Amino acid sequence: MRRGADLFDIQMSDTSFRLAESAQYNILRGPNGLRAGWRLLIFFAILAPMGYCASKAVDTFTEKLNTTPMGSPLGGTVMMGIFLGALLLASGIMARVEGRSIADYGLPWRRAFCSQFWLGALFGFASLTVLLLVIHLAGGFSFGSLALHGADIWKYGFFWSVPLFLSALLEDFFYRGYLLFTLTTGIGFWPAAFATSLWMGGMHYLNPGGHGLGPVAAFLYCIATCVVIRKTGDLWAALGIHAAFGWGEIFFYGVVSSGFPGQGHLFSSSFHGSTRLTGGSFGPEASLPSLAMLVIWGILFSLWFRDAKYPNAAAIRDPRRKRGPVQTAERYRGIQDVS
């Protein structure tokens, strides 16, 4: 009899809590704390001046080092490292304000370079190789001969891995880190994934050669890797795919990546034929075979990974709340277990 009374008290307490909680919601605050739109506004208000300062710093350092921001390993490392620092700092400030962590935004440092990262890297490099082989068999690509020899192979192979990883981390965490998480708390995961993917695709229109299929490929790539993030719980597998794909393009096969070439590549390859087959000046990503590959990616990822793990449900609700329905539900389950 007492147990039934306890269950009734808990249910009434939970109902009262929900009513009191909903009465506190307004245009500024919701069940997940400060509403997503306001958090994003604060985030970009912090990031914009940081990004401006980072841009000036990149110009200063690359001028002093006598290098280009995108075309060399040194220039790429300087540029990506400075911009990434600004992005992580702005995200870290928001994490402190919200009572969350960078891990909640999809980047748990304890899982850095985990097995899923390397599996993603293997998948990304293998996918690029298959894509170029398909274009080669269709008469649009020649692998060419070795352009580097001896120690230069190892030197450039290592040096290019640094900026290309930083580039993948910068781009992935910008579109699918704080931005994706915060939009998810406001409108749900898939609307947020679609919105961030659309933004990423649109920004690639500004890349060299970006007036063709490149933005479409960037959009499909983003959607496909959102599936990976949804199923694995964080960014590390997607980062492996991105970094290895870029490394394979710039260094290993020596092709243009999203409109940007690089110096110091292993093969002296070349494209020839229709831009729909080769991707033109944007690179093989903007080819029709690439679009087909990205659709296949999405299907494979959906079948390969089963359960949804992102976002962390505990991080969605406002971490600063003292007590809520989750706690009362745990009390309810505890009484049931005793029975």
Protein backbone atom coordinates (compact mmCIF):
# COMPACT_ATOMS: atom_id res chain seq x y z
CA MET A 1 0.00 0.00 0.00
CA ARG A 2 2.85 2.33 0.90
CA ARG A 3 4.61 1.54 -2.39
CA GLY A 4 1.52 2.58 -4.36
CA ALA A 5 1.37 5.84 -2.43
CA ASP A 6 5.07 6.48 -3.18
CA LEU A 7 4.50 5.91 -6.89
CA PHE A 8 1.54 8.28 -6.83
CA ASP A 9 3.61 10.94 -5.01
CA ILE A 10 6.41 10.64 -7.58
CA GLN A 11 4.01 10.92 -10.50
CA MET A 12 2.35 13.97 -8.95
CA SER A 13 5.77 15.50 -8.21
CA ASP A 14 6.86 14.92 -11.80
CA THR A 15 3.63 16.45 -13.14
CA SER A 16 4.05 19.48 -10.88
CA PHE A 17 7.67 19.83 -11.98
CA ARG A 18 6.71 19.75 -15.65
CA LEU A 19 4.00 22.35 -15.15
CA ALA A 20 6.33 24.63 -13.19
CA GLU A 21 9.08 24.09 -15.74
CA SER A 22 6.85 24.87 -18.75
CA ALA A 23 5.70 28.06 -17.03
CA GLN A 24 9.32 29.21 -16.97
CA TYR A 25 9.81 28.74 -20.74
CA ASN A 26 9.80 31.92 -22.79
CA ILE A 27 11.34 33.43 -25.89
CA LEU A 28 14.80 33.17 -24.32
CA ARG A 29 14.74 29.83 -22.53
CA GLY A 30 13.38 26.39 -23.35
CA PRO A 31 13.73 22.83 -22.04
CA ASN A 32 17.33 22.69 -23.31
CA GLY A 33 18.41 25.95 -21.68
CA LEU A 34 18.94 29.14 -23.64
CA ARG A 35 17.18 28.58 -26.94
CA ALA A 36 19.29 27.36 -29.86
CA GLY A 37 18.90 30.54 -31.93
CA TRP A 38 20.26 32.73 -29.13
CA ARG A 39 23.15 30.37 -28.46
CA LEU A 40 24.12 30.40 -32.12
CA LEU A 41 23.89 34.19 -32.20
CA ILE A 42 26.27 34.42 -29.23
CA PHE A 43 28.57 31.80 -30.78
CA PHE A 44 28.94 33.70 -34.05
CA ALA A 45 29.29 37.01 -32.19
CA ILE A 46 32.32 35.44 -30.47
CA LEU A 47 33.64 33.61 -33.54
CA ALA A 48 33.39 36.49 -36.06
CA PRO A 49 36.02 38.79 -34.46
CA MET A 50 38.20 35.76 -33.69
CA GLY A 51 37.97 34.69 -37.33
CA TYR A 52 38.91 38.17 -38.49
CA CYS A 53 41.96 38.22 -36.21
CA ALA A 54 42.87 34.70 -37.34
CA SER A 55 42.71 35.82 -40.98
CA LYS A 56 45.09 38.70 -40.28
CA ALA A 57 47.43 36.36 -38.39
CA VAL A 58 47.46 33.91 -41.31
CA ASP A 59 48.38 36.70 -43.74
CA THR A 60 51.18 37.87 -41.44
CA PHE A 61 52.69 34.44 -40.83
CA THR A 62 52.48 33.21 -44.42
CA GLU A 63 54.10 36.46 -45.62
CA LYS A 64 56.95 36.09 -43.14
CA LEU A 65 57.39 32.41 -44.00
CA ASN A 66 57.22 33.23 -47.73
CA THR A 67 54.62 30.54 -48.41
CA THR A 68 51.08 30.30 -49.70
CA PRO A 69 48.15 29.50 -47.39
CA MET A 70 46.78 26.57 -49.40
CA GLY A 71 49.39 25.29 -51.85
CA SER A 72 52.12 24.03 -49.50
CA PRO A 73 52.19 21.85 -46.38
CA LEU A 74 53.67 24.67 -44.28
CA GLY A 75 51.18 27.28 -45.47
CA GLY A 76 48.28 24.87 -45.02
CA THR A 77 49.40 23.97 -41.50
CA VAL A 78 49.71 27.62 -40.47
CA MET A 79 46.35 28.62 -41.93
CA MET A 80 44.34 25.61 -40.73
CA GLY A 81 45.98 25.63 -37.31
CA ILE A 82 45.18 29.30 -36.65
CA PHE A 83 41.58 29.08 -37.86
CA LEU A 84 41.04 25.82 -35.95
CA GLY A 85 42.37 27.43 -32.79
CA ALA A 86 39.84 30.25 -33.11
CA LEU A 87 36.98 27.79 -33.72
CA LEU A 88 37.89 25.59 -30.74
CA LEU A 89 38.30 28.61 -28.48
CA ALA A 90 34.87 29.98 -29.41
CA SER A 91 33.32 26.53 -28.91
CA GLY A 92 35.11 26.14 -25.59
CA ILE A 93 33.72 29.47 -24.37
CA MET A 94 30.21 28.37 -25.31
CA ALA A 95 30.76 25.04 -23.54
CA ARG A 96 31.64 26.89 -20.33
CA VAL A 97 28.65 29.19 -20.68
CA GLU A 98 26.26 26.27 -21.26
CA GLY A 99 27.76 23.85 -18.74
CA ARG A 100 28.60 21.40 -21.52
CA SER A 101 31.87 20.16 -23.02
CA ILE A 102 33.57 19.91 -26.41
CA ALA A 103 32.82 16.18 -26.25
CA ASP A 104 29.08 16.98 -26.19
CA TYR A 105 29.59 18.77 -29.52
CA GLY A 106 30.94 15.57 -31.09
CA LEU A 107 34.67 15.80 -30.37
CA PRO A 108 35.68 13.70 -27.33
CA TRP A 109 39.46 14.05 -27.11
CA ARG A 110 39.75 10.71 -25.25
CA ARG A 111 38.73 9.02 -28.52
CA ALA A 112 41.25 10.88 -30.67
CA PHE A 113 42.66 8.63 -33.42
CA CYS A 114 40.61 5.68 -32.18
CA SER A 115 40.05 2.55 -34.27
CA GLN A 116 37.00 4.13 -35.92
CA PHE A 117 39.19 7.00 -37.13
CA TRP A 118 41.58 4.60 -38.85
CA LEU A 119 38.76 2.51 -40.29
CA GLY A 120 37.29 5.73 -41.66
CA ALA A 121 40.69 6.68 -43.09
CA LEU A 122 41.00 3.31 -44.82
CA PHE A 123 37.49 3.65 -46.20
CA GLY A 124 38.13 7.22 -47.42
CA PHE A 125 41.38 6.36 -49.22
CA ALA A 126 39.93 3.19 -50.74
CA SER A 127 36.86 5.11 -51.95
CA LEU A 128 39.05 7.73 -53.66
CA THR A 129 41.12 4.99 -55.32
CA VAL A 130 37.98 3.27 -56.65
CA LEU A 131 36.60 6.62 -57.85
CA LEU A 132 39.77 7.45 -59.78
CA LEU A 133 39.92 3.93 -61.19
CA VAL A 134 36.34 4.27 -62.48
CA ILE A 135 37.19 7.61 -64.12
CA HIS A 136 40.37 6.02 -65.56
CA LEU A 137 38.43 3.10 -67.05
CA ALA A 138 35.99 5.61 -68.57
CA GLY A 139 38.94 7.31 -70.29
CA GLY A 140 39.08 10.45 -68.16
CA PHE A 141 42.10 9.95 -65.88
CA SER A 142 45.73 8.87 -66.14
CA PHE A 143 47.64 7.92 -62.99
CA GLY A 144 50.92 9.03 -64.54
CA SER A 145 54.37 8.24 -63.17
CA LEU A 146 56.13 8.86 -59.88
CA ALA A 147 56.87 12.54 -59.28
CA LEU A 148 58.79 12.00 -56.02
CA HIS A 149 61.59 9.60 -55.15
CA GLY A 150 63.46 8.40 -52.10
CA ALA A 151 63.20 10.41 -48.89
CA ASP A 152 60.96 13.03 -50.54
CA ILE A 153 58.12 10.50 -50.62
CA TRP A 154 58.19 10.09 -46.84
CA LYS A 155 58.82 13.77 -46.22
CA TYR A 156 55.92 15.10 -48.26
CA GLY A 157 53.69 12.21 -47.24
CA PHE A 158 54.10 13.16 -43.57
CA PHE A 159 54.11 16.93 -44.04
CA TRP A 160 50.87 16.85 -46.03
CA SER A 161 49.13 14.68 -43.45
CA VAL A 162 49.25 17.50 -40.88
CA PRO A 163 47.45 20.32 -42.73
CA LEU A 164 45.00 17.92 -44.35
CA PHE A 165 44.00 16.50 -40.99
CA LEU A 166 43.68 20.02 -39.57
CA SER A 167 41.63 21.03 -42.61
CA ALA A 168 39.27 18.07 -42.11
CA LEU A 169 38.95 18.86 -38.41
CA LEU A 170 38.29 22.54 -39.08
CA GLU A 171 35.62 21.93 -41.70
CA ASP A 172 33.95 18.99 -39.95
CA PHE A 173 33.86 20.64 -36.54
CA PHE A 174 32.62 23.94 -37.95
CA TYR A 175 29.63 22.43 -39.76
CA ARG A 176 29.06 19.33 -37.64
CA GLY A 177 30.38 20.34 -34.22
CA TYR A 178 28.83 23.13 -32.19
CA LEU A 179 26.58 24.19 -35.07
CA LEU A 180 25.05 20.74 -35.66
CA PHE A 181 24.63 20.01 -31.95
CA THR A 182 23.00 23.33 -31.13
CA LEU A 183 20.63 23.20 -34.09
CA THR A 184 19.73 19.65 -33.07
CA THR A 185 18.64 20.88 -29.62
CA GLY A 186 16.31 23.32 -31.36
CA ILE A 187 14.90 21.57 -34.43
CA GLY A 188 16.01 17.94 -34.21
CA PHE A 189 18.93 16.04 -35.74
CA TRP A 190 17.90 15.50 -39.36
CA PRO A 191 16.60 19.04 -40.01
CA ALA A 192 19.85 20.28 -38.46
CA ALA A 193 21.91 17.86 -40.58
CA PHE A 194 20.13 19.02 -43.74
CA ALA A 195 20.60 22.71 -42.88
CA THR A 196 24.32 22.39 -42.10
CA SER A 197 24.89 20.23 -45.18
CA LEU A 198 23.12 22.78 -47.36
CA TRP A 199 25.31 25.53 -45.90
CA MET A 200 28.49 23.53 -46.49
CA GLY A 201 27.48 22.80 -50.06
CA GLY A 202 26.65 26.45 -50.69
CA MET A 203 30.02 27.62 -49.35
CA HIS A 204 31.81 25.33 -51.81
CA TYR A 205 30.26 27.38 -54.60
CA LEU A 206 32.87 30.01 -53.69
CA ASN A 207 35.77 27.59 -54.22
CA PRO A 208 37.80 27.72 -57.45
CA GLY A 209 35.81 25.81 -60.07
CA GLY A 210 32.85 25.62 -57.68
CA HIS A 211 30.17 26.57 -60.23
CA GLY A 212 29.65 22.98 -61.35
CA LEU A 213 28.75 19.86 -59.37
CA GLY A 214 31.19 20.61 -56.54
CA PRO A 215 28.60 22.18 -54.18
CA VAL A 216 26.24 19.25 -54.82
CA ALA A 217 29.02 16.81 -53.96
CA ALA A 218 29.86 18.76 -50.79
CA PHE A 219 26.19 18.63 -49.74
CA LEU A 220 25.94 14.87 -50.35
CA TYR A 221 29.25 14.28 -48.58
CA CYS A 222 28.00 16.20 -45.55
CA ILE A 223 24.72 14.26 -45.44
CA ALA A 224 26.55 10.92 -45.74
CA THR A 225 28.99 11.74 -42.95
CA CYS A 226 26.12 13.01 -40.79
CA VAL A 227 24.85 9.43 -40.95
CA VAL A 228 28.27 8.27 -39.70
CA ILE A 229 28.20 10.79 -36.84
CA ARG A 230 24.64 9.81 -35.96
CA LYS A 231 25.55 6.13 -35.79
CA THR A 232 29.03 6.30 -34.19
CA GLY A 233 28.31 9.06 -31.69
CA ASP A 234 31.08 11.50 -32.60
CA LEU A 235 33.17 13.00 -35.40
CA TRP A 236 36.21 10.71 -35.36
CA ALA A 237 35.15 8.17 -38.00
CA ALA A 238 33.99 10.98 -40.30
CA LEU A 239 37.28 12.81 -39.68
CA GLY A 240 39.21 9.73 -40.77
CA ILE A 241 37.23 9.55 -44.02
CA HIS A 242 37.71 13.26 -44.75
CA ALA A 243 41.41 13.48 -43.87
CA ALA A 244 42.39 10.35 -45.83
CA PHE A 245 40.34 11.37 -48.87
CA GLY A 246 42.04 14.79 -48.93
CA TRP A 247 45.49 13.27 -48.35
CA GLY A 248 44.92 10.85 -51.19
CA GLU A 249 43.90 13.67 -53.52
CA ILE A 250 46.58 16.24 -52.70
CA PHE A 251 49.60 14.08 -51.94
CA PHE A 252 49.17 10.52 -53.16
CA TYR A 253 47.44 10.91 -56.50
CA GLY A 254 48.29 14.57 -57.04
CA VAL A 255 44.83 15.78 -58.06
CA VAL A 256 42.98 18.97 -57.23
CA SER A 257 40.94 18.87 -54.00
CA SER A 258 37.82 21.09 -53.87
CA GLY A 259 39.45 23.48 -56.32
CA PHE A 260 42.84 23.67 -54.57
CA PRO A 261 46.01 22.01 -55.91
CA GLY A 262 49.09 21.25 -53.84
CA GLN A 263 52.81 20.99 -54.46
CA GLY A 264 54.83 17.91 -53.61
CA HIS A 265 52.65 15.00 -54.77
CA LEU A 266 53.56 11.37 -55.36
CA PHE A 267 52.10 10.87 -58.85
CA SER A 268 52.05 13.21 -61.84
CA SER A 269 48.48 12.33 -62.78
CA SER A 270 46.22 14.10 -65.26
CA PHE A 271 42.55 14.36 -66.26
CA HIS A 272 41.16 14.54 -69.77
CA GLY A 273 37.65 14.52 -71.11
CA SER A 274 34.29 15.90 -70.04
CA THR A 275 34.11 17.88 -66.80
CA ARG A 276 31.08 15.79 -65.81
CA LEU A 277 33.36 12.77 -65.88
CA THR A 278 36.47 14.35 -64.36
CA GLY A 279 35.12 17.14 -62.14
CA GLY A 280 37.07 19.79 -64.04
CA SER A 281 39.03 22.38 -62.07
CA PHE A 282 37.18 21.56 -58.84
CA GLY A 283 38.62 18.04 -58.76
CA PRO A 284 37.17 14.51 -59.00
CA GLU A 285 34.68 15.27 -56.19
CA ALA A 286 32.63 17.27 -58.70
CA SER A 287 32.23 14.38 -61.16
CA LEU A 288 29.14 12.30 -61.80
CA PRO A 289 30.90 9.12 -60.59
CA SER A 290 31.62 10.95 -57.33
CA LEU A 291 27.94 11.83 -56.83
CA ALA A 292 27.02 8.17 -57.38
CA MET A 293 29.72 7.15 -54.88
CA LEU A 294 28.38 9.53 -52.23
CA VAL A 295 24.85 8.16 -52.59
CA ILE A 296 26.28 4.65 -52.16
CA TRP A 297 28.15 5.92 -49.08
CA GLY A 298 24.91 7.07 -47.49
CA ILE A 299 23.25 3.71 -48.12
CA LEU A 300 26.23 1.73 -46.83
CA PHE A 301 26.57 3.85 -43.70
CA SER A 302 22.87 3.46 -42.95
CA LEU A 303 23.15 -0.32 -43.20
CA TRP A 304 26.60 -0.65 -41.63
CA PHE A 305 25.90 1.27 -38.42
CA ARG A 306 22.73 0.21 -36.62
CA ASP A 307 21.85 2.23 -33.53
CA ALA A 308 21.77 6.01 -33.25
CA LYS A 309 24.31 7.30 -30.70
CA TYR A 310 24.43 11.02 -31.49
CA PRO A 311 23.63 13.34 -29.91
CA ASN A 312 24.19 12.28 -26.31
CA ALA A 313 20.71 12.49 -24.76
CA ALA A 314 22.16 13.60 -21.42
CA ALA A 315 23.77 16.61 -23.10
CA ILE A 316 20.64 17.77 -24.92
CA ARG A 317 18.74 18.86 -21.83
CA ASP A 318 20.01 21.93 -19.98
CA PRO A 319 22.91 20.58 -17.83
CA ARG A 320 22.38 23.34 -15.27
CA ARG A 321 18.91 22.14 -14.26
CA LYS A 322 18.83 20.73 -10.73
CA ARG A 323 16.19 18.04 -11.18
CA GLY A 324 13.82 16.92 -13.88
CA PRO A 325 11.73 14.11 -15.29
CA VAL A 326 14.82 11.94 -15.81
CA GLN A 327 15.57 11.93 -12.08
CA THR A 328 11.97 11.28 -11.08
CA ALA A 329 11.80 8.45 -13.63
CA GLU A 330 14.89 6.91 -12.03
CA ARG A 331 13.19 7.09 -8.62
CA TYR A 332 10.12 5.44 -10.17
CA ARG A 333 12.21 2.61 -11.62
CA GLY A 334 13.99 2.18 -8.30
CA ILE A 335 10.71 1.61 -6.47
CA GLN A 336 9.62 -0.86 -9.16
CA ASP A 337 12.92 -2.75 -8.81
CA VAL A 338 12.39 -3.07 -5.07
CA SER A 339 8.97 -4.56 -5.73
